[in-house]
Amino acid sequence: MKHTNAKFGWGTRTGKELSELNPKLELIKESSFWDEMKKYTLVGKIGSVLVKDLNNRLAVYRWQGR
């Protein structure tokens, strides 16, 4: 993709925003890269405070069938 002019403009800031777009999704939990890294490194602890929302997040959902 780096040799193209492609731009991605879709995304959500939180997992809750995605569940609002589709009512069949129930947000179970959400965490960030920094939440995990703070357990292991000083950089992770600092990052979890200063730039927590500037990284990818993992959201876990439950599908509310049919």
N, C-alpha and C. Protein backbone atom coordinates (compact mmCIF):
# COMPACT_ATOMS: atom_id res chain seq x y z
N MET A 1 0.81 -1.19 0.00
CA MET A 1 0.00 0.00 0.00
C MET A 1 0.86 1.26 0.00
N LYS A 2 2.12 1.17 0.42
CA LYS A 2 2.92 2.39 0.56
C LYS A 2 3.22 3.06 -0.78
N HIS A 3 3.09 2.34 -1.89
CA HIS A 3 3.36 2.93 -3.19
C HIS A 3 2.09 3.42 -3.89
N THR A 4 1.03 3.53 -3.15
CA THR A 4 -0.22 4.04 -3.70
C THR A 4 -0.62 5.29 -2.94
N ASN A 5 -1.62 5.94 -3.40
CA ASN A 5 -2.14 7.12 -2.69
C ASN A 5 -3.39 6.76 -1.88
N ALA A 6 -3.53 5.48 -1.53
CA ALA A 6 -4.70 5.03 -0.80
C ALA A 6 -4.78 5.69 0.57
N LYS A 7 -5.96 6.08 0.95
CA LYS A 7 -6.20 6.66 2.28
C LYS A 7 -7.37 5.95 2.90
N PHE A 8 -7.22 5.60 4.14
CA PHE A 8 -8.29 4.92 4.87
C PHE A 8 -8.91 5.93 5.83
N GLY A 9 -10.19 6.16 5.69
CA GLY A 9 -10.85 7.15 6.51
C GLY A 9 -11.90 6.56 7.43
N TRP A 10 -11.99 5.23 7.50
CA TRP A 10 -13.00 4.62 8.33
C TRP A 10 -12.37 4.13 9.62
N GLY A 11 -13.09 4.21 10.67
CA GLY A 11 -12.62 3.68 11.94
C GLY A 11 -13.46 4.22 13.07
N THR A 12 -13.23 3.69 14.24
CA THR A 12 -13.92 4.18 15.43
C THR A 12 -12.88 4.46 16.49
N ARG A 13 -13.20 5.31 17.40
CA ARG A 13 -12.28 5.61 18.50
C ARG A 13 -12.41 4.60 19.62
N THR A 14 -13.62 4.06 19.79
CA THR A 14 -13.84 3.09 20.86
C THR A 14 -14.65 1.91 20.33
N GLY A 15 -14.60 0.84 21.06
CA GLY A 15 -15.40 -0.33 20.70
C GLY A 15 -16.88 -0.07 20.85
N LYS A 16 -17.24 0.83 21.73
CA LYS A 16 -18.65 1.16 21.93
C LYS A 16 -19.25 1.79 20.68
N GLU A 17 -18.46 2.60 19.97
CA GLU A 17 -18.95 3.21 18.74
C GLU A 17 -19.35 2.15 17.72
N LEU A 18 -18.59 1.08 17.63
CA LEU A 18 -18.89 0.02 16.69
C LEU A 18 -20.17 -0.71 17.08
N SER A 19 -20.34 -0.96 18.37
CA SER A 19 -21.56 -1.65 18.81
C SER A 19 -22.80 -0.77 18.61
N GLU A 20 -22.63 0.54 18.60
CA GLU A 20 -23.75 1.43 18.32
C GLU A 20 -24.15 1.36 16.84
N LEU A 21 -23.19 1.04 15.96
CA LEU A 21 -23.49 0.90 14.54
C LEU A 21 -24.24 -0.39 14.24
N ASN A 22 -24.02 -1.42 15.05
CA ASN A 22 -24.69 -2.70 14.86
C ASN A 22 -25.22 -3.19 16.21
N PRO A 23 -26.51 -3.06 16.45
CA PRO A 23 -27.07 -3.42 17.76
C PRO A 23 -26.94 -4.90 18.11
N LYS A 24 -26.59 -5.75 17.16
CA LYS A 24 -26.41 -7.16 17.48
C LYS A 24 -25.06 -7.45 18.12
N LEU A 25 -24.18 -6.45 18.17
CA LEU A 25 -22.88 -6.62 18.81
C LEU A 25 -22.95 -6.09 20.24
N GLU A 26 -22.56 -6.92 21.18
CA GLU A 26 -22.48 -6.51 22.58
C GLU A 26 -21.00 -6.45 22.97
N LEU A 27 -20.54 -5.27 23.35
CA LEU A 27 -19.15 -5.09 23.75
C LEU A 27 -18.91 -5.78 25.09
N ILE A 28 -17.97 -6.71 25.12
CA ILE A 28 -17.63 -7.44 26.34
C ILE A 28 -16.50 -6.73 27.08
N LYS A 29 -15.40 -6.45 26.36
CA LYS A 29 -14.29 -5.73 26.97
C LYS A 29 -13.44 -5.09 25.88
N GLU A 30 -12.66 -4.11 26.27
CA GLU A 30 -11.79 -3.41 25.34
C GLU A 30 -10.49 -3.08 26.06
N SER A 31 -9.39 -3.27 25.36
CA SER A 31 -8.08 -2.92 25.95
C SER A 31 -7.17 -2.40 24.86
N SER A 32 -6.11 -1.76 25.27
CA SER A 32 -5.16 -1.21 24.30
C SER A 32 -3.82 -1.92 24.41
N PHE A 33 -3.00 -1.72 23.42
CA PHE A 33 -1.63 -2.22 23.41
C PHE A 33 -0.92 -1.78 24.69
N TRP A 34 -1.14 -0.54 25.08
CA TRP A 34 -0.45 0.00 26.26
C TRP A 34 -0.89 -0.68 27.55
N ASP A 35 -2.13 -1.12 27.62
CA ASP A 35 -2.61 -1.83 28.82
C ASP A 35 -1.79 -3.09 29.07
N GLU A 36 -1.42 -3.77 27.99
CA GLU A 36 -0.58 -4.96 28.14
C GLU A 36 0.86 -4.60 28.41
N MET A 37 1.38 -3.63 27.68
CA MET A 37 2.80 -3.27 27.81
C MET A 37 3.16 -2.72 29.19
N LYS A 38 2.20 -2.07 29.85
CA LYS A 38 2.51 -1.49 31.16
C LYS A 38 2.82 -2.57 32.20
N LYS A 39 2.42 -3.79 31.92
CA LYS A 39 2.71 -4.89 32.84
C LYS A 39 4.18 -5.30 32.79
N TYR A 40 4.87 -4.98 31.69
CA TYR A 40 6.19 -5.53 31.46
C TYR A 40 7.34 -4.53 31.37
N THR A 41 7.07 -3.28 30.97
CA THR A 41 8.17 -2.34 30.75
C THR A 41 7.85 -0.96 31.31
N LEU A 42 8.90 -0.21 31.58
CA LEU A 42 8.76 1.17 32.02
C LEU A 42 8.16 2.02 30.91
N VAL A 43 8.60 1.79 29.68
CA VAL A 43 8.05 2.52 28.53
C VAL A 43 6.55 2.26 28.43
N GLY A 44 6.13 1.03 28.69
CA GLY A 44 4.71 0.70 28.68
C GLY A 44 3.93 1.44 29.75
N LYS A 45 4.52 1.59 30.93
CA LYS A 45 3.86 2.32 32.01
C LYS A 45 3.70 3.79 31.65
N ILE A 46 4.74 4.37 31.08
CA ILE A 46 4.68 5.78 30.67
C ILE A 46 3.68 5.95 29.53
N GLY A 47 3.76 5.08 28.53
CA GLY A 47 2.85 5.15 27.39
C GLY A 47 1.39 4.99 27.78
N SER A 48 1.13 4.14 28.77
CA SER A 48 -0.26 3.91 29.18
C SER A 48 -0.88 5.16 29.80
N VAL A 49 -0.05 6.06 30.27
CA VAL A 49 -0.55 7.31 30.86
C VAL A 49 -0.60 8.43 29.81
N LEU A 50 0.47 8.54 29.01
CA LEU A 50 0.60 9.69 28.11
C LEU A 50 -0.12 9.53 26.77
N VAL A 51 -0.04 8.36 26.17
CA VAL A 51 -0.56 8.20 24.80
C VAL A 51 -1.47 6.98 24.67
N LYS A 52 -2.22 6.70 25.68
CA LYS A 52 -3.05 5.49 25.73
C LYS A 52 -3.97 5.34 24.51
N ASP A 53 -4.57 6.42 24.05
CA ASP A 53 -5.55 6.33 22.97
C ASP A 53 -4.95 6.49 21.57
N LEU A 54 -3.62 6.54 21.48
CA LEU A 54 -2.98 6.72 20.18
C LEU A 54 -2.49 5.41 19.58
N ASN A 55 -3.03 4.32 20.01
CA ASN A 55 -2.59 3.04 19.51
C ASN A 55 -3.78 2.13 19.24
N ASN A 56 -3.50 1.03 18.58
CA ASN A 56 -4.56 0.06 18.29
C ASN A 56 -5.18 -0.49 19.56
N ARG A 57 -6.44 -0.84 19.44
CA ARG A 57 -7.17 -1.38 20.57
C ARG A 57 -7.76 -2.74 20.18
N LEU A 58 -7.95 -3.56 21.17
CA LEU A 58 -8.57 -4.87 20.98
C LEU A 58 -9.93 -4.84 21.67
N ALA A 59 -10.97 -5.13 20.90
CA ALA A 59 -12.31 -5.17 21.47
C ALA A 59 -12.87 -6.57 21.29
N VAL A 60 -13.54 -7.05 22.32
CA VAL A 60 -14.15 -8.38 22.30
C VAL A 60 -15.66 -8.17 22.35
N TYR A 61 -16.35 -8.81 21.41
CA TYR A 61 -17.81 -8.65 21.29
C TYR A 61 -18.51 -10.00 21.41
N ARG A 62 -19.78 -9.93 21.76
CA ARG A 62 -20.66 -11.10 21.69
C ARG A 62 -21.72 -10.78 20.64
N TRP A 63 -21.92 -11.72 19.73
CA TRP A 63 -22.94 -11.57 18.68
C TRP A 63 -24.29 -11.98 19.25
N GLN A 64 -25.25 -11.10 19.16
CA GLN A 64 -26.60 -11.36 19.66
C GLN A 64 -27.46 -11.89 18.53
N GLY A 65 -27.12 -13.07 18.06
CA GLY A 65 -27.77 -13.83 16.99
C GLY A 65 -28.93 -13.22 16.23
N ARG A 66 -29.39 -13.86 15.30
CA ARG A 66 -30.48 -13.62 14.36
C ARG A 66 -31.03 -12.27 14.42
